[in-house]
Amino acid sequence: MKINELQSTLTSNKKRKRRGRGAGSGLGKTSGRGVKGQKSRSGVAINGFEGGQMPLYRRLPKRGFKSQNKNNLIGIINLSQIQKFFEKGKLISNEKISLLKLKEKNLISKKYIQLKLLGEGEVKNSFEIDVNLVSASAKDKIEKSGGKINILRSKK
């Protein structure tokens, strides 16, 4: 088969519609837009308008709220994560843990400026930790294991 022997398909040879070129073309005078009104003019885009019916985006229920003042610079760490770091040898017992130390060892993202400790999981090692925020359960568990918590003042 050669290029000159190829048969064209119906869609590839279709001519474009020339609107507004006389009554005989089938799309003369108003060019298939109907008569008068906003939509017959050029440059009209009525996005979301449903002919007076309540638009879909207003009929659907709205949920949630995104605060513009949300502080996403607080790193959250659980006791279970700290225990895993001890077991893997990334942290040493009786070593002081801080946000800076966790950042240096790449255990927490460098974007965080504050650290929050949560009490999910158990700790077997005793350690000292510097945090900005701490949950009551985390505080109890660390003190029971013989550790110490230093609560730092928040930077705002």
C-alpha atoms as a PDB file:
ATOM      1  CA  MET A   1       0.000   0.000   0.000  1.00  0.00           C
ATOM      2  CA  LYS A   2       1.250   3.463  -0.899  1.00  0.00           C
ATOM      3  CA  ILE A   3       0.277   6.873   0.386  1.00  0.00           C
ATOM      4  CA  ASN A   4      -1.453   7.761  -2.870  1.00  0.00           C
ATOM      5  CA  GLU A   5      -3.580   4.598  -2.655  1.00  0.00           C
ATOM      6  CA  LEU A   6      -5.097   5.459   0.755  1.00  0.00           C
ATOM      7  CA  GLN A   7      -8.858   6.002   0.843  1.00  0.00           C
ATOM      8  CA  SER A   8     -10.059   9.052   2.775  1.00  0.00           C
ATOM      9  CA  THR A   9     -12.659   8.600   5.490  1.00  0.00           C
ATOM     10  CA  LEU A  10     -15.857  10.635   5.605  1.00  0.00           C
ATOM     11  CA  THR A  11     -14.765  12.661   8.616  1.00  0.00           C
ATOM     12  CA  SER A  12     -11.351  13.680   7.261  1.00  0.00           C
ATOM     13  CA  ASN A  13     -12.828  15.220   4.110  1.00  0.00           C
ATOM     14  CA  LYS A  14     -15.673  17.100   5.782  1.00  0.00           C
ATOM     15  CA  LYS A  15     -15.947  20.803   4.955  1.00  0.00           C
ATOM     16  CA  ARG A  16     -16.515  23.330   7.708  1.00  0.00           C
ATOM     17  CA  LYS A  17     -19.873  25.082   7.998  1.00  0.00           C
ATOM     18  CA  ARG A  18     -19.825  28.598   6.537  1.00  0.00           C
ATOM     19  CA  ARG A  19     -22.358  30.434   8.639  1.00  0.00           C
ATOM     20  CA  GLY A  20     -24.164  33.578   7.550  1.00  0.00           C
ATOM     21  CA  ARG A  21     -23.703  33.024   3.814  1.00  0.00           C
ATOM     22  CA  GLY A  22     -27.289  33.251   2.585  1.00  0.00           C
ATOM     23  CA  ALA A  23     -30.555  31.423   3.059  1.00  0.00           C
ATOM     24  CA  GLY A  24     -29.599  28.618   0.679  1.00  0.00           C
ATOM     25  CA  SER A  25     -26.731  27.457   2.917  1.00  0.00           C
ATOM     26  CA  GLY A  26     -29.166  26.469   5.672  1.00  0.00           C
ATOM     27  CA  LEU A  27     -27.227  28.612   8.123  1.00  0.00           C
ATOM     28  CA  GLY A  28     -27.882  32.079   6.709  1.00  0.00           C
ATOM     29  CA  LYS A  29     -29.272  35.221   8.336  1.00  0.00           C
ATOM     30  CA  THR A  30     -28.948  34.387  12.069  1.00  0.00           C
ATOM     31  CA  SER A  31     -26.302  31.678  11.564  1.00  0.00           C
ATOM     32  CA  GLY A  32     -28.183  29.063  13.576  1.00  0.00           C
ATOM     33  CA  ARG A  33     -28.334  31.233  16.712  1.00  0.00           C
ATOM     34  CA  GLY A  34     -32.080  31.831  16.706  1.00  0.00           C
ATOM     35  CA  VAL A  35     -33.426  35.360  16.996  1.00  0.00           C
ATOM     36  CA  LYS A  36     -32.403  38.254  19.212  1.00  0.00           C
ATOM     37  CA  GLY A  37     -31.484  37.966  22.868  1.00  0.00           C
ATOM     38  CA  GLN A  38     -28.215  37.711  24.771  1.00  0.00           C
ATOM     39  CA  LYS A  39     -27.136  34.367  23.339  1.00  0.00           C
ATOM     40  CA  SER A  40     -27.439  35.554  19.758  1.00  0.00           C
ATOM     41  CA  ARG A  41     -24.663  38.098  20.355  1.00  0.00           C
ATOM     42  CA  SER A  42     -20.967  37.297  20.317  1.00  0.00           C
ATOM     43  CA  GLY A  43     -18.887  37.091  23.495  1.00  0.00           C
ATOM     44  CA  VAL A  44     -21.569  35.511  25.687  1.00  0.00           C
ATOM     45  CA  ALA A  45     -20.664  32.821  28.199  1.00  0.00           C
ATOM     46  CA  ILE A  46     -23.193  32.206  30.912  1.00  0.00           C
ATOM     47  CA  ASN A  47     -21.298  29.702  33.009  1.00  0.00           C
ATOM     48  CA  GLY A  48     -23.332  27.932  35.654  1.00  0.00           C
ATOM     49  CA  PHE A  49     -26.579  29.545  34.465  1.00  0.00           C
ATOM     50  CA  GLU A  50     -29.401  27.035  34.154  1.00  0.00           C
ATOM     51  CA  GLY A  51     -32.247  29.115  32.784  1.00  0.00           C
ATOM     52  CA  GLY A  52     -33.500  30.429  36.102  1.00  0.00           C
ATOM     53  CA  GLN A  53     -33.331  27.027  37.787  1.00  0.00           C
ATOM     54  CA  MET A  54     -31.150  26.898  40.908  1.00  0.00           C
ATOM     55  CA  PRO A  55     -27.647  26.101  39.584  1.00  0.00           C
ATOM     56  CA  LEU A  56     -26.041  22.774  40.440  1.00  0.00           C
ATOM     57  CA  TYR A  57     -23.201  24.355  42.420  1.00  0.00           C
ATOM     58  CA  ARG A  58     -25.772  26.003  44.712  1.00  0.00           C
ATOM     59  CA  ARG A  59     -27.950  22.891  45.065  1.00  0.00           C
ATOM     60  CA  LEU A  60     -25.141  20.679  46.357  1.00  0.00           C
ATOM     61  CA  PRO A  61     -24.428  20.770  50.098  1.00  0.00           C
ATOM     62  CA  LYS A  62     -21.309  22.543  51.241  1.00  0.00           C
ATOM     63  CA  ARG A  63     -19.066  20.864  53.796  1.00  0.00           C
ATOM     64  CA  GLY A  64     -16.016  21.800  55.754  1.00  0.00           C
ATOM     65  CA  PHE A  65     -14.070  24.970  56.206  1.00  0.00           C
ATOM     66  CA  LYS A  66     -10.533  25.892  55.195  1.00  0.00           C
ATOM     67  CA  SER A  67      -9.064  28.376  57.585  1.00  0.00           C
ATOM     68  CA  GLN A  68      -6.711  30.922  56.059  1.00  0.00           C
ATOM     69  CA  ASN A  69      -4.975  31.246  59.413  1.00  0.00           C
ATOM     70  CA  LYS A  70      -4.276  27.513  59.691  1.00  0.00           C
ATOM     71  CA  ASN A  71      -0.874  26.866  61.181  1.00  0.00           C
ATOM     72  CA  ASN A  72       0.591  24.016  59.151  1.00  0.00           C
ATOM     73  CA  LEU A  73       4.086  24.566  60.505  1.00  0.00           C
ATOM     74  CA  ILE A  74       3.572  22.363  63.567  1.00  0.00           C
ATOM     75  CA  GLY A  75       5.224  18.957  63.269  1.00  0.00           C
ATOM     76  CA  ILE A  76       3.241  16.181  64.936  1.00  0.00           C
ATOM     77  CA  ILE A  77       4.979  13.109  66.321  1.00  0.00           C
ATOM     78  CA  ASN A  78       3.541  10.166  68.251  1.00  0.00           C
ATOM     79  CA  LEU A  79       5.200   8.176  71.028  1.00  0.00           C
ATOM     80  CA  SER A  80       4.970   5.077  68.809  1.00  0.00           C
ATOM     81  CA  GLN A  81       7.131   6.829  66.184  1.00  0.00           C
ATOM     82  CA  ILE A  82       9.735   7.797  68.788  1.00  0.00           C
ATOM     83  CA  GLN A  83       9.819   4.190  70.046  1.00  0.00           C
ATOM     84  CA  LYS A  84      10.408   2.957  66.478  1.00  0.00           C
ATOM     85  CA  PHE A  85      13.304   5.423  66.134  1.00  0.00           C
ATOM     86  CA  PHE A  86      14.853   3.933  69.307  1.00  0.00           C
ATOM     87  CA  GLU A  87      14.392   0.359  68.040  1.00  0.00           C
ATOM     88  CA  LYS A  88      15.960   1.179  64.653  1.00  0.00           C
ATOM     89  CA  GLY A  89      18.906   2.927  66.333  1.00  0.00           C
ATOM     90  CA  LYS A  90      18.109   6.364  64.935  1.00  0.00           C
ATOM     91  CA  LEU A  91      17.779   7.748  68.470  1.00  0.00           C
ATOM     92  CA  ILE A  92      19.736   6.769  71.594  1.00  0.00           C
ATOM     93  CA  SER A  93      18.243   6.348  75.092  1.00  0.00           C
ATOM     94  CA  ASN A  94      18.878   9.132  77.628  1.00  0.00           C
ATOM     95  CA  GLU A  95      19.571  11.485  74.703  1.00  0.00           C
ATOM     96  CA  LYS A  96      17.796  14.862  74.643  1.00  0.00           C
ATOM     97  CA  ILE A  97      15.330  14.963  71.741  1.00  0.00           C
ATOM     98  CA  SER A  98      14.378  18.272  70.138  1.00  0.00           C
ATOM     99  CA  LEU A  99      12.922  19.517  66.886  1.00  0.00           C
ATOM    100  CA  LEU A 100      16.407  20.508  65.733  1.00  0.00           C
ATOM    101  CA  LYS A 101      17.802  17.023  66.456  1.00  0.00           C
ATOM    102  CA  LEU A 102      14.885  15.354  64.601  1.00  0.00           C
ATOM    103  CA  LYS A 103      15.470  17.648  61.604  1.00  0.00           C
ATOM    104  CA  GLU A 104      19.214  16.907  61.570  1.00  0.00           C
ATOM    105  CA  LYS A 105      18.567  13.154  61.453  1.00  0.00           C
ATOM    106  CA  ASN A 106      15.837  13.618  58.791  1.00  0.00           C
ATOM    107  CA  LEU A 107      13.178  12.091  61.043  1.00  0.00           C
ATOM    108  CA  ILE A 108      10.827  15.041  60.569  1.00  0.00           C
ATOM    109  CA  SER A 109      10.352  17.573  57.746  1.00  0.00           C
ATOM    110  CA  LYS A 110      12.553  20.657  57.785  1.00  0.00           C
ATOM    111  CA  LYS A 111       9.571  22.998  57.178  1.00  0.00           C
ATOM    112  CA  TYR A 112       8.250  22.682  60.748  1.00  0.00           C
ATOM    113  CA  ILE A 113       8.988  25.394  63.296  1.00  0.00           C
ATOM    114  CA  GLN A 114       7.145  23.827  66.244  1.00  0.00           C
ATOM    115  CA  LEU A 115       6.782  20.296  67.579  1.00  0.00           C
ATOM    116  CA  LYS A 116       3.701  18.649  69.072  1.00  0.00           C
ATOM    117  CA  LEU A 117       3.891  15.329  70.923  1.00  0.00           C
ATOM    118  CA  LEU A 118       0.875  13.004  70.952  1.00  0.00           C
ATOM    119  CA  GLY A 119       0.364   9.951  73.145  1.00  0.00           C
ATOM    120  CA  GLU A 120      -0.435   7.199  70.631  1.00  0.00           C
ATOM    121  CA  GLY A 121       1.615   4.088  71.374  1.00  0.00           C
ATOM    122  CA  GLU A 122       3.869   3.075  74.259  1.00  0.00           C
ATOM    123  CA  VAL A 123       7.463   3.981  75.172  1.00  0.00           C
ATOM    124  CA  LYS A 124       9.937   1.632  76.810  1.00  0.00           C
ATOM    125  CA  ASN A 125      12.943   3.951  76.789  1.00  0.00           C
ATOM    126  CA  SER A 126      13.364   6.956  79.043  1.00  0.00           C
ATOM    127  CA  PHE A 127      14.325  10.183  77.329  1.00  0.00           C
ATOM    128  CA  GLU A 128      14.166  13.947  77.646  1.00  0.00           C
ATOM    129  CA  ILE A 129      12.267  15.860  74.969  1.00  0.00           C
ATOM    130  CA  ASP A 130      11.780  19.538  74.118  1.00  0.00           C
ATOM    131  CA  VAL A 131       8.350  20.270  72.606  1.00  0.00           C
ATOM    132  CA  ASN A 132       6.083  23.261  72.075  1.00  0.00           C
ATOM    133  CA  LEU A 133       2.839  21.345  72.631  1.00  0.00           C
ATOM    134  CA  VAL A 134       2.076  18.020  74.334  1.00  0.00           C
ATOM    135  CA  SER A 135      -1.049  15.963  74.955  1.00  0.00           C
ATOM    136  CA  ALA A 136      -1.929  14.891  78.501  1.00  0.00           C
ATOM    137  CA  SER A 137      -1.657  11.173  77.656  1.00  0.00           C
ATOM    138  CA  ALA A 138       1.819  11.642  76.151  1.00  0.00           C
ATOM    139  CA  LYS A 139       2.957  13.541  79.232  1.00  0.00           C
ATOM    140  CA  ASP A 140       1.732  10.766  81.563  1.00  0.00           C
ATOM    141  CA  LYS A 141       3.352   7.976  79.527  1.00  0.00           C
ATOM    142  CA  ILE A 142       6.739   9.686  79.350  1.00  0.00           C
ATOM    143  CA  GLU A 143       6.784  10.480  83.056  1.00  0.00           C
ATOM    144  CA  LYS A 144       5.835   6.855  83.885  1.00  0.00           C
ATOM    145  CA  SER A 145       8.733   5.589  81.771  1.00  0.00           C
ATOM    146  CA  GLY A 146      11.140   7.852  83.683  1.00  0.00           C
ATOM    147  CA  GLY A 147      11.488  10.511  80.999  1.00  0.00           C
ATOM    148  CA  LYS A 148      11.203  14.280  81.173  1.00  0.00           C
ATOM    149  CA  ILE A 149       9.308  16.844  79.044  1.00  0.00           C
ATOM    150  CA  ASN A 150      10.440  20.448  78.562  1.00  0.00           C
ATOM    151  CA  ILE A 151       7.675  22.636  77.168  1.00  0.00           C
ATOM    152  CA  LEU A 152       9.092  25.490  75.107  1.00  0.00           C
ATOM    153  CA  ARG A 153       7.412  28.837  74.561  1.00  0.00           C
ATOM    154  CA  SER A 154       5.624  29.108  71.209  1.00  0.00           C
ATOM    155  CA  LYS A 155       7.031  31.383  68.500  1.00  0.00           C
ATOM    156  CA  LYS A 156       4.299  33.583  67.033  1.00  0.00           C
END
